[in-house]
C-alpha atoms as a PDB file:
ATOM      1  CA  MET A   1     133.297  87.964  94.775  1.00  0.00           C
ATOM      2  CA  LYS A   2     132.287  88.641  91.331  1.00  0.00           C
ATOM      3  CA  ALA A   3     130.767  92.109  90.981  1.00  0.00           C
ATOM      4  CA  LYS A   4     127.070  91.224  90.159  1.00  0.00           C
ATOM      5  CA  ILE A   5     123.789  91.222  92.140  1.00  0.00           C
ATOM      6  CA  SER A   6     121.926  88.324  90.641  1.00  0.00           C
ATOM      7  CA  MET A   7     118.675  89.256  92.122  1.00  0.00           C
ATOM      8  CA  ILE A   8     117.242  91.842  94.435  1.00  0.00           C
ATOM      9  CA  THR A   9     114.204  90.467  96.306  1.00  0.00           C
ATOM     10  CA  LEU A  10     111.198  92.637  97.686  1.00  0.00           C
ATOM     11  CA  GLY A  11     109.388  91.253 100.965  1.00  0.00           C
ATOM     12  CA  VAL A  12     105.814  92.334 100.160  1.00  0.00           C
ATOM     13  CA  ASP A  13     102.888  92.828 102.091  1.00  0.00           C
ATOM     14  CA  ASP A  14     100.220  91.989  99.131  1.00  0.00           C
ATOM     15  CA  LEU A  15     101.679  89.394  96.736  1.00  0.00           C
ATOM     16  CA  GLU A  16      98.988  89.960  94.237  1.00  0.00           C
ATOM     17  CA  ARG A  17      98.819  93.651  94.026  1.00  0.00           C
ATOM     18  CA  ALA A  18     102.557  93.503  93.825  1.00  0.00           C
ATOM     19  CA  ILE A  19     102.596  91.450  90.863  1.00  0.00           C
ATOM     20  CA  HIS A  20      99.883  93.574  89.254  1.00  0.00           C
ATOM     21  CA  PHE A  21     101.847  96.678  89.890  1.00  0.00           C
ATOM     22  CA  TYR A  22     105.368  95.120  88.356  1.00  0.00           C
ATOM     23  CA  ARG A  23     103.901  93.145  85.781  1.00  0.00           C
ATOM     24  CA  ASP A  24     100.628  94.881  84.256  1.00  0.00           C
ATOM     25  CA  GLY A  25     101.656  98.646  85.357  1.00  0.00           C
ATOM     26  CA  LEU A  26     105.214  99.100  84.720  1.00  0.00           C
ATOM     27  CA  GLY A  27     105.301  96.074  82.097  1.00  0.00           C
ATOM     28  CA  LEU A  28     108.163  93.961  83.483  1.00  0.00           C
ATOM     29  CA  PRO A  29     108.344  90.389  82.055  1.00  0.00           C
ATOM     30  CA  GLN A  30     107.343  88.029  84.455  1.00  0.00           C
ATOM     31  CA  TYR A  31     109.100  84.507  84.261  1.00  0.00           C
ATOM     32  CA  ALA A  32     106.726  81.593  84.128  1.00  0.00           C
ATOM     33  CA  PHE A  33     106.873  80.098  87.527  1.00  0.00           C
ATOM     34  CA  ASP A  34     104.591  77.471  88.898  1.00  0.00           C
ATOM     35  CA  SER A  35     103.956  79.017  92.693  1.00  0.00           C
ATOM     36  CA  ASP A  36     101.294  81.070  94.484  1.00  0.00           C
ATOM     37  CA  GLY A  37     103.936  82.220  97.005  1.00  0.00           C
ATOM     38  CA  VAL A  38     106.647  84.119  94.873  1.00  0.00           C
ATOM     39  CA  ALA A  39     106.935  85.917  91.605  1.00  0.00           C
ATOM     40  CA  PHE A  40     109.992  86.619  89.730  1.00  0.00           C
ATOM     41  CA  PHE A  41     110.786  89.293  86.783  1.00  0.00           C
ATOM     42  CA  ASP A  42     113.623  88.865  84.317  1.00  0.00           C
ATOM     43  CA  LEU A  43     115.680  92.025  84.050  1.00  0.00           C
ATOM     44  CA  GLU A  44     118.461  92.985  82.231  1.00  0.00           C
ATOM     45  CA  GLY A  45     121.430  91.405  83.968  1.00  0.00           C
ATOM     46  CA  THR A  46     119.338  90.982  87.062  1.00  0.00           C
ATOM     47  CA  TRP A  47     116.242  89.259  88.626  1.00  0.00           C
ATOM     48  CA  LEU A  48     113.519  90.855  90.448  1.00  0.00           C
ATOM     49  CA  GLY A  49     111.709  88.726  93.200  1.00  0.00           C
ATOM     50  CA  LEU A  50     108.500  89.039  94.893  1.00  0.00           C
ATOM     51  CA  PHE A  51     108.106  87.264  98.227  1.00  0.00           C
ATOM     52  CA  PRO A  52     105.617  87.854 101.256  1.00  0.00           C
ATOM     53  CA  ARG A  53     107.606  89.860 103.954  1.00  0.00           C
ATOM     54  CA  ALA A  54     106.698  87.733 106.893  1.00  0.00           C
ATOM     55  CA  GLU A  55     107.737  84.446 104.605  1.00  0.00           C
ATOM     56  CA  LEU A  56     111.191  86.258 103.317  1.00  0.00           C
ATOM     57  CA  ALA A  57     111.878  87.225 107.035  1.00  0.00           C
ATOM     58  CA  LYS A  58     111.238  83.494 108.115  1.00  0.00           C
ATOM     59  CA  ASP A  59     113.518  82.529 105.294  1.00  0.00           C
ATOM     60  CA  ILE A  60     116.443  84.535 106.497  1.00  0.00           C
ATOM     61  CA  GLY A  61     115.813  83.221 110.221  1.00  0.00           C
ATOM     62  CA  LEU A  62     114.494  86.216 111.603  1.00  0.00           C
ATOM     63  CA  PRO A  63     112.033  85.827 114.417  1.00  0.00           C
ATOM     64  CA  SER A  64     109.510  88.571 112.677  1.00  0.00           C
ATOM     65  CA  ALA A  65     109.605  90.786 109.767  1.00  0.00           C
ATOM     66  CA  GLU A  66     108.037  93.512 112.458  1.00  0.00           C
ATOM     67  CA  HIS A  67     110.335  95.008 114.960  1.00  0.00           C
ATOM     68  CA  SER A  68     113.419  93.512 113.835  1.00  0.00           C
ATOM     69  CA  GLY A  69     115.019  96.251 111.635  1.00  0.00           C
ATOM     70  CA  PHE A  70     114.495  93.967 108.698  1.00  0.00           C
ATOM     71  CA  SER A  71     113.962  96.606 105.846  1.00  0.00           C
ATOM     72  CA  GLY A  72     112.035  93.976 103.486  1.00  0.00           C
ATOM     73  CA  ILE A  73     114.837  93.685 100.869  1.00  0.00           C
ATOM     74  CA  THR A  74     117.419  91.254  99.984  1.00  0.00           C
ATOM     75  CA  LEU A  75     120.303  90.953  97.599  1.00  0.00           C
ATOM     76  CA  ALA A  76     121.003  87.909  96.447  1.00  0.00           C
ATOM     77  CA  HIS A  77     124.703  86.455  94.915  1.00  0.00           C
ATOM     78  CA  ASN A  78     123.993  83.245  93.114  1.00  0.00           C
ATOM     79  CA  LEU A  79     127.150  80.840  92.260  1.00  0.00           C
ATOM     80  CA  ALA A  80     127.998  77.774  90.419  1.00  0.00           C
ATOM     81  CA  SER A  81     128.178  75.333  93.268  1.00  0.00           C
ATOM     82  CA  LYS A  82     127.636  74.557  96.780  1.00  0.00           C
ATOM     83  CA  ALA A  83     131.235  75.104  97.356  1.00  0.00           C
ATOM     84  CA  GLU A  84     131.244  78.687  95.908  1.00  0.00           C
ATOM     85  CA  VAL A  85     128.553  79.482  98.188  1.00  0.00           C
ATOM     86  CA  ASP A  86     130.451  78.079 101.255  1.00  0.00           C
ATOM     87  CA  ALA A  87     133.594  80.096 100.065  1.00  0.00           C
ATOM     88  CA  LEU A  88     131.885  83.434  99.767  1.00  0.00           C
ATOM     89  CA  LEU A  89     129.845  83.453 103.071  1.00  0.00           C
ATOM     90  CA  ASP A  90     133.356  82.467 104.800  1.00  0.00           C
ATOM     91  CA  GLN A  91     134.558  85.778 102.827  1.00  0.00           C
ATOM     92  CA  ALA A  92     132.091  87.757 103.908  1.00  0.00           C
ATOM     93  CA  VAL A  93     132.658  86.830 107.491  1.00  0.00           C
ATOM     94  CA  ALA A  94     136.342  87.022 107.005  1.00  0.00           C
ATOM     95  CA  ALA A  95     135.773  90.648 105.806  1.00  0.00           C
ATOM     96  CA  GLY A  96     133.488  91.791 108.872  1.00  0.00           C
ATOM     97  CA  GLY A  97     130.190  90.547 107.588  1.00  0.00           C
ATOM     98  CA  ARG A  98     127.962  88.553 110.184  1.00  0.00           C
ATOM     99  CA  LEU A  99     126.645  85.209 109.363  1.00  0.00           C
ATOM    100  CA  ILE A 100     122.760  85.062 109.760  1.00  0.00           C
ATOM    101  CA  LYS A 101     121.910  81.672 108.107  1.00  0.00           C
ATOM    102  CA  PRO A 102     124.638  79.224 107.568  1.00  0.00           C
ATOM    103  CA  ALA A 103     124.418  77.471 103.962  1.00  0.00           C
ATOM    104  CA  GLN A 104     122.055  74.985 103.860  1.00  0.00           C
ATOM    105  CA  GLU A 105     119.591  72.603 101.464  1.00  0.00           C
ATOM    106  CA  VAL A 106     116.409  75.034 101.200  1.00  0.00           C
ATOM    107  CA  PHE A 107     112.799  74.107 100.497  1.00  0.00           C
ATOM    108  CA  TRP A 108     112.785  74.836  96.921  1.00  0.00           C
ATOM    109  CA  GLY A 109     115.774  72.549  96.013  1.00  0.00           C
ATOM    110  CA  GLY A 110     118.699  74.931  96.342  1.00  0.00           C
ATOM    111  CA  TYR A 111     121.540  75.804  98.458  1.00  0.00           C
ATOM    112  CA  SER A 112     121.984  78.925 100.121  1.00  0.00           C
ATOM    113  CA  GLY A 113     122.678  81.305 103.371  1.00  0.00           C
ATOM    114  CA  TYR A 114     122.550  84.874 104.403  1.00  0.00           C
ATOM    115  CA  PHE A 115     125.131  87.083 105.714  1.00  0.00           C
ATOM    116  CA  GLN A 116     124.594  91.059 107.076  1.00  0.00           C
ATOM    117  CA  ASP A 117     127.033  93.633 105.457  1.00  0.00           C
ATOM    118  CA  THR A 118     128.463  95.857 107.989  1.00  0.00           C
ATOM    119  CA  GLU A 119     125.800  98.185 107.569  1.00  0.00           C
ATOM    120  CA  GLY A 120     123.222  95.584 107.955  1.00  0.00           C
ATOM    121  CA  HIS A 121     121.808  94.893 104.763  1.00  0.00           C
ATOM    122  CA  TYR A 122     120.698  91.068 104.295  1.00  0.00           C
ATOM    123  CA  TRP A 123     122.484  89.031 101.093  1.00  0.00           C
ATOM    124  CA  GLU A 124     121.802  85.543 100.363  1.00  0.00           C
ATOM    125  CA  VAL A 125     124.229  83.622  98.756  1.00  0.00           C
ATOM    126  CA  ALA A 126     122.918  80.611  96.669  1.00  0.00           C
ATOM    127  CA  TYR A 127     123.036  78.101  94.429  1.00  0.00           C
ATOM    128  CA  ASN A 128     120.150  77.242  92.053  1.00  0.00           C
ATOM    129  CA  PRO A 129     120.107  74.223  90.296  1.00  0.00           C
ATOM    130  CA  PHE A 130     117.036  74.983  88.056  1.00  0.00           C
ATOM    131  CA  MET A 131     117.946  78.459  87.135  1.00  0.00           C
ATOM    132  CA  ASP A 132     121.331  79.611  85.804  1.00  0.00           C
ATOM    133  CA  LEU A 133     121.394  83.224  87.855  1.00  0.00           C
ATOM    134  CA  THR A 134     125.280  83.030  87.619  1.00  0.00           C
END
């Protein structure tokens, strides 16, 4: 695995309030993206994503964001191809991680899957044909 975190996604309860805090309060540069359901901020060397907490849990494949032990934070490692996504998920499982959601075509047009590390933290492994996050 390349030593890089492409994105940190925070599951938020109030997306507009969170956008206001990060964009207007902290001055982070918001990426121009045509969507009411998610926000991205282009940071130096990584991205910050804001996604409604319940939707993030649903994307991972959890039945609920509540009472599941889900912290509301995911880390992401983006790769240049679907094959690389599959290979990294296999590597994570071989190293003792737990496959949570096998890689698949996703609603936003990319390809991704999730694993948990040995401490229960969620990682998304993704290929995004629309943004170069590698």
